C-alpha atoms as a PDB file:
ATOM      1  CA  MET A   1     132.283  77.893 122.269  1.00  0.00           C
ATOM      2  CA  PRO A   2     135.309  77.516 124.674  1.00  0.00           C
ATOM      3  CA  GLY A   3     138.166  79.535 123.586  1.00  0.00           C
ATOM      4  CA  ILE A   4     137.250  80.549 120.554  1.00  0.00           C
ATOM      5  CA  LEU A   5     135.046  84.161 120.072  1.00  0.00           C
ATOM      6  CA  LEU A   6     133.361  86.537 117.585  1.00  0.00           C
ATOM      7  CA  GLY A   7     136.217  88.391 115.797  1.00  0.00           C
ATOM      8  CA  ASP A   8     139.507  85.471 117.147  1.00  0.00           C
ATOM      9  CA  VAL A   9     141.292  84.321 114.290  1.00  0.00           C
ATOM     10  CA  PHE A  10     139.777  81.136 113.641  1.00  0.00           C
ATOM     11  CA  PRO A  11     142.206  77.950 114.488  1.00  0.00           C
ATOM     12  CA  ASN A  12     144.587  76.922 111.286  1.00  0.00           C
ATOM     13  CA  PHE A  13     143.660  73.621 112.274  1.00  0.00           C
ATOM     14  CA  GLU A  14     144.705  70.427 109.543  1.00  0.00           C
ATOM     15  CA  ALA A  15     142.242  67.622 108.940  1.00  0.00           C
ATOM     16  CA  GLU A  16     141.697  64.780 107.154  1.00  0.00           C
ATOM     17  CA  THR A  17     138.669  65.440 104.484  1.00  0.00           C
ATOM     18  CA  THR A  18     136.565  63.847 101.622  1.00  0.00           C
ATOM     19  CA  ILE A  19     139.045  66.186  99.053  1.00  0.00           C
ATOM     20  CA  GLY A  20     141.651  64.810 100.836  1.00  0.00           C
ATOM     21  CA  LYS A  21     143.821  66.382 103.412  1.00  0.00           C
ATOM     22  CA  ILE A  22     143.377  70.619 104.199  1.00  0.00           C
ATOM     23  CA  LYS A  23     144.787  73.322 105.555  1.00  0.00           C
ATOM     24  CA  PHE A  24     142.429  75.408 107.378  1.00  0.00           C
ATOM     25  CA  HIS A  25     143.549  78.573 106.297  1.00  0.00           C
ATOM     26  CA  ASP A  26     144.735  78.035 102.600  1.00  0.00           C
ATOM     27  CA  PHE A  27     141.271  75.367 102.208  1.00  0.00           C
ATOM     28  CA  LEU A  28     139.673  79.169 102.511  1.00  0.00           C
ATOM     29  CA  GLY A  29     142.036  81.462 100.986  1.00  0.00           C
ATOM     30  CA  ASP A  30     139.954  84.639 100.002  1.00  0.00           C
ATOM     31  CA  SER A  31     137.158  83.377 100.641  1.00  0.00           C
ATOM     32  CA  TRP A  32     134.408  83.427 103.183  1.00  0.00           C
ATOM     33  CA  GLY A  33     133.797  80.198 105.114  1.00  0.00           C
ATOM     34  CA  VAL A  34     131.072  77.860 106.249  1.00  0.00           C
ATOM     35  CA  LEU A  35     132.353  75.193 108.782  1.00  0.00           C
ATOM     36  CA  PHE A  36     128.956  73.295 110.860  1.00  0.00           C
ATOM     37  CA  SER A  37     129.339  70.205 112.230  1.00  0.00           C
ATOM     38  CA  HIS A  38     126.431  67.474 112.439  1.00  0.00           C
ATOM     39  CA  PRO A  39     126.212  64.550 114.909  1.00  0.00           C
ATOM     40  CA  ARG A  40     126.521  61.116 112.962  1.00  0.00           C
ATOM     41  CA  ASP A  41     126.530  60.081 109.167  1.00  0.00           C
ATOM     42  CA  TYR A  42     124.056  57.673 108.532  1.00  0.00           C
ATOM     43  CA  THR A  43     121.200  59.266 110.668  1.00  0.00           C
ATOM     44  CA  PRO A  44     117.728  61.048 109.664  1.00  0.00           C
ATOM     45  CA  VAL A  45     117.772  64.611 110.770  1.00  0.00           C
ATOM     46  CA  CYS A  46     121.593  65.036 109.586  1.00  0.00           C
ATOM     47  CA  THR A  47     120.704  63.616 105.845  1.00  0.00           C
ATOM     48  CA  THR A  48     118.136  66.576 105.585  1.00  0.00           C
ATOM     49  CA  GLU A  49     120.574  69.127 106.666  1.00  0.00           C
ATOM     50  CA  LEU A  50     123.553  68.592 104.281  1.00  0.00           C
ATOM     51  CA  GLY A  51     120.915  67.482 101.589  1.00  0.00           C
ATOM     52  CA  ARG A  52     119.446  71.264 102.223  1.00  0.00           C
ATOM     53  CA  ALA A  53     123.023  72.629 102.090  1.00  0.00           C
ATOM     54  CA  ALA A  54     123.883  70.500  99.020  1.00  0.00           C
ATOM     55  CA  LYS A  55     121.207  72.039  97.302  1.00  0.00           C
ATOM     56  CA  LEU A  56     121.890  75.643  98.153  1.00  0.00           C
ATOM     57  CA  SER A  57     125.814  75.278  97.524  1.00  0.00           C
ATOM     58  CA  ASP A  58     125.715  77.422  94.166  1.00  0.00           C
ATOM     59  CA  GLU A  59     124.070  80.450  95.939  1.00  0.00           C
ATOM     60  CA  PHE A  60     126.546  80.051  98.497  1.00  0.00           C
ATOM     61  CA  LYS A  61     129.319  80.457  96.133  1.00  0.00           C
ATOM     62  CA  LYS A  62     127.801  83.303  94.627  1.00  0.00           C
ATOM     63  CA  ARG A  63     128.453  84.658  97.861  1.00  0.00           C
ATOM     64  CA  ASN A  64     132.090  83.795  97.684  1.00  0.00           C
ATOM     65  CA  VAL A  65     131.099  81.405 100.310  1.00  0.00           C
ATOM     66  CA  LYS A  66     133.687  77.911 100.886  1.00  0.00           C
ATOM     67  CA  MET A  67     131.254  75.496 102.627  1.00  0.00           C
ATOM     68  CA  ILE A  68     132.927  72.313 104.995  1.00  0.00           C
ATOM     69  CA  ALA A  69     131.210  69.835 107.371  1.00  0.00           C
ATOM     70  CA  LEU A  70     132.097  67.813 109.806  1.00  0.00           C
ATOM     71  CA  SER A  71     130.846  64.780 112.076  1.00  0.00           C
ATOM     72  CA  ILE A  72     132.740  62.397 114.023  1.00  0.00           C
ATOM     73  CA  ASP A  73     132.902  59.232 111.765  1.00  0.00           C
ATOM     74  CA  SER A  74     135.582  58.170 108.754  1.00  0.00           C
ATOM     75  CA  VAL A  75     136.153  59.815 104.921  1.00  0.00           C
ATOM     76  CA  GLU A  76     134.873  56.408 104.162  1.00  0.00           C
ATOM     77  CA  ASP A  77     131.538  57.076 106.166  1.00  0.00           C
ATOM     78  CA  HIS A  78     131.410  60.180 104.992  1.00  0.00           C
ATOM     79  CA  VAL A  79     131.877  58.932 101.241  1.00  0.00           C
ATOM     80  CA  GLY A  80     128.992  56.459 101.289  1.00  0.00           C
ATOM     81  CA  TRP A  81     126.476  58.768 103.084  1.00  0.00           C
ATOM     82  CA  SER A  82     126.764  61.461 100.547  1.00  0.00           C
ATOM     83  CA  LYS A  83     125.666  58.815  98.100  1.00  0.00           C
ATOM     84  CA  ASP A  84     122.808  58.753 100.161  1.00  0.00           C
ATOM     85  CA  ILE A  85     122.327  61.976 100.253  1.00  0.00           C
ATOM     86  CA  MET A  86     122.596  62.892  96.674  1.00  0.00           C
ATOM     87  CA  ALA A  87     119.627  60.091  96.830  1.00  0.00           C
ATOM     88  CA  TYR A  88     117.078  61.692  99.295  1.00  0.00           C
ATOM     89  CA  ASN A  89     118.440  65.238  96.775  1.00  0.00           C
ATOM     90  CA  ASN A  90     116.952  63.245  94.031  1.00  0.00           C
ATOM     91  CA  GLU A  91     120.167  63.909  92.271  1.00  0.00           C
ATOM     92  CA  GLU A  92     121.394  61.713  89.618  1.00  0.00           C
ATOM     93  CA  PRO A  93     123.094  58.674  90.790  1.00  0.00           C
ATOM     94  CA  GLY A  94     127.469  59.453  90.527  1.00  0.00           C
ATOM     95  CA  CYS A  95     126.664  63.183  90.714  1.00  0.00           C
ATOM     96  CA  LYS A  96     129.433  64.868  93.035  1.00  0.00           C
ATOM     97  CA  PHE A  97     129.024  66.115  96.753  1.00  0.00           C
ATOM     98  CA  PRO A  98     129.446  69.812  95.926  1.00  0.00           C
ATOM     99  CA  PHE A  99     131.658  70.205  99.631  1.00  0.00           C
ATOM    100  CA  PRO A 100     134.103  68.406 102.147  1.00  0.00           C
ATOM    101  CA  ILE A 101     133.255  66.958 104.885  1.00  0.00           C
ATOM    102  CA  ILE A 102     136.282  66.724 107.681  1.00  0.00           C
ATOM    103  CA  ALA A 103     136.549  63.009 109.468  1.00  0.00           C
ATOM    104  CA  ASP A 104     137.209  63.937 113.324  1.00  0.00           C
ATOM    105  CA  ASP A 105     136.573  60.134 114.485  1.00  0.00           C
ATOM    106  CA  LYS A 106     138.873  60.719 117.553  1.00  0.00           C
ATOM    107  CA  ARG A 107     136.753  63.864 118.604  1.00  0.00           C
ATOM    108  CA  GLU A 108     140.075  66.586 119.180  1.00  0.00           C
ATOM    109  CA  LEU A 109     138.620  69.014 116.537  1.00  0.00           C
ATOM    110  CA  ALA A 110     135.066  68.923 118.031  1.00  0.00           C
ATOM    111  CA  VAL A 111     136.423  69.581 121.339  1.00  0.00           C
ATOM    112  CA  THR A 112     138.980  71.994 120.385  1.00  0.00           C
ATOM    113  CA  LEU A 113     136.206  74.037 118.640  1.00  0.00           C
ATOM    114  CA  GLY A 114     133.841  73.701 121.309  1.00  0.00           C
ATOM    115  CA  MET A 115     131.166  70.886 119.307  1.00  0.00           C
ATOM    116  CA  LEU A 116     130.371  68.410 121.585  1.00  0.00           C
ATOM    117  CA  ASP A 117     127.064  67.887 122.807  1.00  0.00           C
ATOM    118  CA  PRO A 118     126.993  66.412 126.461  1.00  0.00           C
ATOM    119  CA  ASP A 119     123.005  65.239 126.422  1.00  0.00           C
ATOM    120  CA  GLU A 120     123.275  63.147 123.482  1.00  0.00           C
ATOM    121  CA  ARG A 121     125.931  60.116 123.294  1.00  0.00           C
ATOM    122  CA  ASP A 122     126.620  57.451 120.902  1.00  0.00           C
ATOM    123  CA  LYS A 123     125.729  53.573 121.783  1.00  0.00           C
ATOM    124  CA  ASP A 124     129.345  53.538 123.024  1.00  0.00           C
ATOM    125  CA  GLY A 125     128.215  56.479 126.064  1.00  0.00           C
ATOM    126  CA  MET A 126     130.530  58.544 123.414  1.00  0.00           C
ATOM    127  CA  PRO A 127     129.398  62.342 123.545  1.00  0.00           C
ATOM    128  CA  LEU A 128     128.364  63.481 119.796  1.00  0.00           C
ATOM    129  CA  THR A 129     128.959  66.835 118.263  1.00  0.00           C
ATOM    130  CA  ALA A 130     125.807  69.442 118.467  1.00  0.00           C
ATOM    131  CA  ARG A 131     124.990  71.439 115.258  1.00  0.00           C
ATOM    132  CA  CYS A 132     127.342  74.412 115.237  1.00  0.00           C
ATOM    133  CA  VAL A 133     127.490  76.861 112.541  1.00  0.00           C
ATOM    134  CA  PHE A 134     130.989  78.885 112.071  1.00  0.00           C
ATOM    135  CA  VAL A 135     130.897  81.864 109.633  1.00  0.00           C
ATOM    136  CA  ILE A 136     134.378  82.825 108.906  1.00  0.00           C
ATOM    137  CA  GLY A 137     135.580  85.652 107.448  1.00  0.00           C
ATOM    138  CA  PRO A 138     138.097  86.277 104.219  1.00  0.00           C
ATOM    139  CA  ASP A 139     140.606  87.844 107.591  1.00  0.00           C
ATOM    140  CA  LYS A 140     140.314  84.262 109.154  1.00  0.00           C
ATOM    141  CA  LYS A 141     137.824  86.213 111.793  1.00  0.00           C
ATOM    142  CA  MET A 142     134.912  84.727 113.379  1.00  0.00           C
ATOM    143  CA  LYS A 143     131.980  86.487 112.168  1.00  0.00           C
ATOM    144  CA  LEU A 144     129.226  84.198 113.844  1.00  0.00           C
ATOM    145  CA  SER A 145     128.124  81.619 115.646  1.00  0.00           C
ATOM    146  CA  ILE A 146     125.473  79.745 116.380  1.00  0.00           C
ATOM    147  CA  LEU A 147     124.388  76.280 118.893  1.00  0.00           C
ATOM    148  CA  TYR A 148     122.096  73.781 117.791  1.00  0.00           C
ATOM    149  CA  PRO A 149     121.710  70.946 119.904  1.00  0.00           C
ATOM    150  CA  ALA A 150     121.520  67.857 117.971  1.00  0.00           C
ATOM    151  CA  THR A 151     117.483  66.764 118.136  1.00  0.00           C
ATOM    152  CA  THR A 152     117.270  70.722 116.374  1.00  0.00           C
ATOM    153  CA  GLY A 153     117.799  70.622 112.700  1.00  0.00           C
ATOM    154  CA  ARG A 154     118.662  73.887 110.858  1.00  0.00           C
ATOM    155  CA  ASN A 155     117.852  76.506 108.748  1.00  0.00           C
ATOM    156  CA  PHE A 156     120.373  77.162 105.353  1.00  0.00           C
ATOM    157  CA  ASP A 157     118.168  79.176 103.976  1.00  0.00           C
ATOM    158  CA  GLU A 158     118.288  81.772 107.089  1.00  0.00           C
ATOM    159  CA  LEU A 159     122.355  81.019 107.253  1.00  0.00           C
ATOM    160  CA  LEU A 160     122.189  82.841 103.578  1.00  0.00           C
ATOM    161  CA  ARG A 161     120.100  85.696 104.805  1.00  0.00           C
ATOM    162  CA  VAL A 162     123.089  85.651 107.642  1.00  0.00           C
ATOM    163  CA  ILE A 163     125.747  85.984 105.074  1.00  0.00           C
ATOM    164  CA  ASP A 164     123.809  88.798 103.072  1.00  0.00           C
ATOM    165  CA  SER A 165     123.912  90.681 106.124  1.00  0.00           C
ATOM    166  CA  LEU A 166     127.716  89.827 107.488  1.00  0.00           C
ATOM    167  CA  GLN A 167     128.844  90.720 104.101  1.00  0.00           C
ATOM    168  CA  LEU A 168     126.451  94.045 103.607  1.00  0.00           C
ATOM    169  CA  THR A 169     127.352  95.376 107.166  1.00  0.00           C
ATOM    170  CA  ALA A 170     131.374  94.441 106.830  1.00  0.00           C
ATOM    171  CA  LYS A 171     131.742  96.772 103.757  1.00  0.00           C
ATOM    172  CA  LYS A 172     128.708  99.682 104.734  1.00  0.00           C
ATOM    173  CA  ARG A 173     128.403 101.491 107.865  1.00  0.00           C
ATOM    174  CA  VAL A 174     124.518 100.459 108.533  1.00  0.00           C
ATOM    175  CA  ALA A 175     123.119  97.044 110.478  1.00  0.00           C
ATOM    176  CA  THR A 176     120.093  95.014 109.503  1.00  0.00           C
ATOM    177  CA  PRO A 177     116.914  95.150 111.386  1.00  0.00           C
ATOM    178  CA  VAL A 178     114.605  91.823 112.338  1.00  0.00           C
ATOM    179  CA  ASN A 179     113.982  89.577 109.367  1.00  0.00           C
ATOM    180  CA  TRP A 180     115.775  91.686 107.157  1.00  0.00           C
ATOM    181  CA  LYS A 181     116.431  90.458 103.385  1.00  0.00           C
ATOM    182  CA  PRO A 182     118.426  92.150 100.654  1.00  0.00           C
ATOM    183  CA  GLY A 183     116.888  94.977  99.417  1.00  0.00           C
ATOM    184  CA  ASP A 184     115.064  95.736 102.530  1.00  0.00           C
ATOM    185  CA  GLU A 185     115.860  99.182 104.661  1.00  0.00           C
ATOM    186  CA  VAL A 186     118.984  99.349 106.583  1.00  0.00           C
ATOM    187  CA  MET A 187     119.239 100.687 109.800  1.00  0.00           C
ATOM    188  CA  VAL A 188     121.686 103.643 110.245  1.00  0.00           C
ATOM    189  CA  LEU A 189     124.009 102.730 112.878  1.00  0.00           C
ATOM    190  CA  PRO A 190     123.607 104.974 116.285  1.00  0.00           C
ATOM    191  CA  ASN A 191     127.310 106.707 116.755  1.00  0.00           C
ATOM    192  CA  ILE A 192     127.214 108.113 112.598  1.00  0.00           C
ATOM    193  CA  PRO A 193     125.945 111.879 113.611  1.00  0.00           C
ATOM    194  CA  GLU A 194     123.127 113.106 111.749  1.00  0.00           C
ATOM    195  CA  ASP A 195     125.078 115.266 109.442  1.00  0.00           C
ATOM    196  CA  GLU A 196     127.072 112.647 108.710  1.00  0.00           C
ATOM    197  CA  ALA A 197     124.597 110.276 108.097  1.00  0.00           C
ATOM    198  CA  ALA A 198     122.844 112.733 105.402  1.00  0.00           C
ATOM    199  CA  LYS A 199     126.213 112.419 103.887  1.00  0.00           C
ATOM    200  CA  LEU A 200     126.920 108.784 103.974  1.00  0.00           C
ATOM    201  CA  PHE A 201     123.214 107.884 103.007  1.00  0.00           C
ATOM    202  CA  PRO A 202     122.353 110.198 100.362  1.00  0.00           C
ATOM    203  CA  ALA A 203     119.304 108.544  99.693  1.00  0.00           C
ATOM    204  CA  GLY A 204     118.076 109.634 102.363  1.00  0.00           C
ATOM    205  CA  VAL A 205     117.487 108.774 106.285  1.00  0.00           C
ATOM    206  CA  PHE A 206     114.033 108.358 107.857  1.00  0.00           C
ATOM    207  CA  THR A 207     113.698 108.794 111.456  1.00  0.00           C
ATOM    208  CA  LYS A 208     110.872 107.210 113.396  1.00  0.00           C
ATOM    209  CA  GLU A 209     109.307 109.473 115.696  1.00  0.00           C
ATOM    210  CA  LEU A 210     109.313 107.810 119.204  1.00  0.00           C
ATOM    211  CA  PRO A 211     107.785 108.457 122.843  1.00  0.00           C
ATOM    212  CA  SER A 212     110.693 109.390 124.099  1.00  0.00           C
ATOM    213  CA  GLY A 213     111.888 111.966 122.092  1.00  0.00           C
ATOM    214  CA  LYS A 214     115.144 109.749 121.215  1.00  0.00           C
ATOM    215  CA  LYS A 215     115.853 109.637 117.359  1.00  0.00           C
ATOM    216  CA  TYR A 216     117.778 106.267 117.248  1.00  0.00           C
ATOM    217  CA  LEU A 217     115.450 104.476 115.317  1.00  0.00           C
ATOM    218  CA  ARG A 218     117.408 105.625 111.414  1.00  0.00           C
ATOM    219  CA  TYR A 219     116.021 103.977 108.161  1.00  0.00           C
ATOM    220  CA  THR A 220     118.229 104.237 105.021  1.00  0.00           C
ATOM    221  CA  PRO A 221     117.712 102.436 101.626  1.00  0.00           C
ATOM    222  CA  GLN A 222     119.691  99.586 101.299  1.00  0.00           C
ATOM    223  CA  PRO A 223     123.348 100.999 100.019  1.00  0.00           C
END
C-alpha cells in the first residue's frame, strides 16, 4: 500500500458518488468506515460481492460502520448497475441501494490509494482497480487493509468478523486468536504481567502449558 500504512490518517479526499459529492472524513463522522474497491461495474464477480455487501449492510450499521464502494466508472453507471445488484439479491424493484459508490473514472483516487491491479486491464489496456478493503477507525486512522486480485471475490462475512475483533481490541487489552468469533475466549497480551492480568480479567486467566515452559498462551473469557 504505497504511502498509506496501518495507523496512518486516511486521506480526506473529495469525490463524486451516488449520493453526491462527499469529503471522506465528513462522510464518516464519528463512525467506523469500510472503503472497498471493485474492478468494474456490470461485471459478474463484482455483482456478487456488492450483492452480499448490500445484504449485510444492516450488520455493518449495527457496528457503527459506514460502507462506501469505489470503481473506475461513472455515477450514471453506478446507479444503473445498482439496480442489477438489487435484482441479483431478489429485492423488489425500486429498493434503495444501501451505501454510496464513488465514481473514479479518471483513476486518480485509485492511484493515490494504491488500488490498481497491474495484471487486469480493460478493453483499452488500462489497469482495473483491484479488490481493496480499508477499515478506518473513528479517529480517521487506517486499522486494516486487505488486497485481493481482481479475479478473487471477497468474503464480507469475514470482514464483519474482523471488525468485531478490531472494535473489541480497540477497547480491551486483548487479542483474538485464529478463527475467533464474538463470544469465544480471547488472548491476554504478552506484555501484561500475571498480577496485572489477574486484576484486569476477573473472570480468570487460563495458561496453556507448553514444552518450552514459557507461559505466553494465556486465555480469558471475552470481556
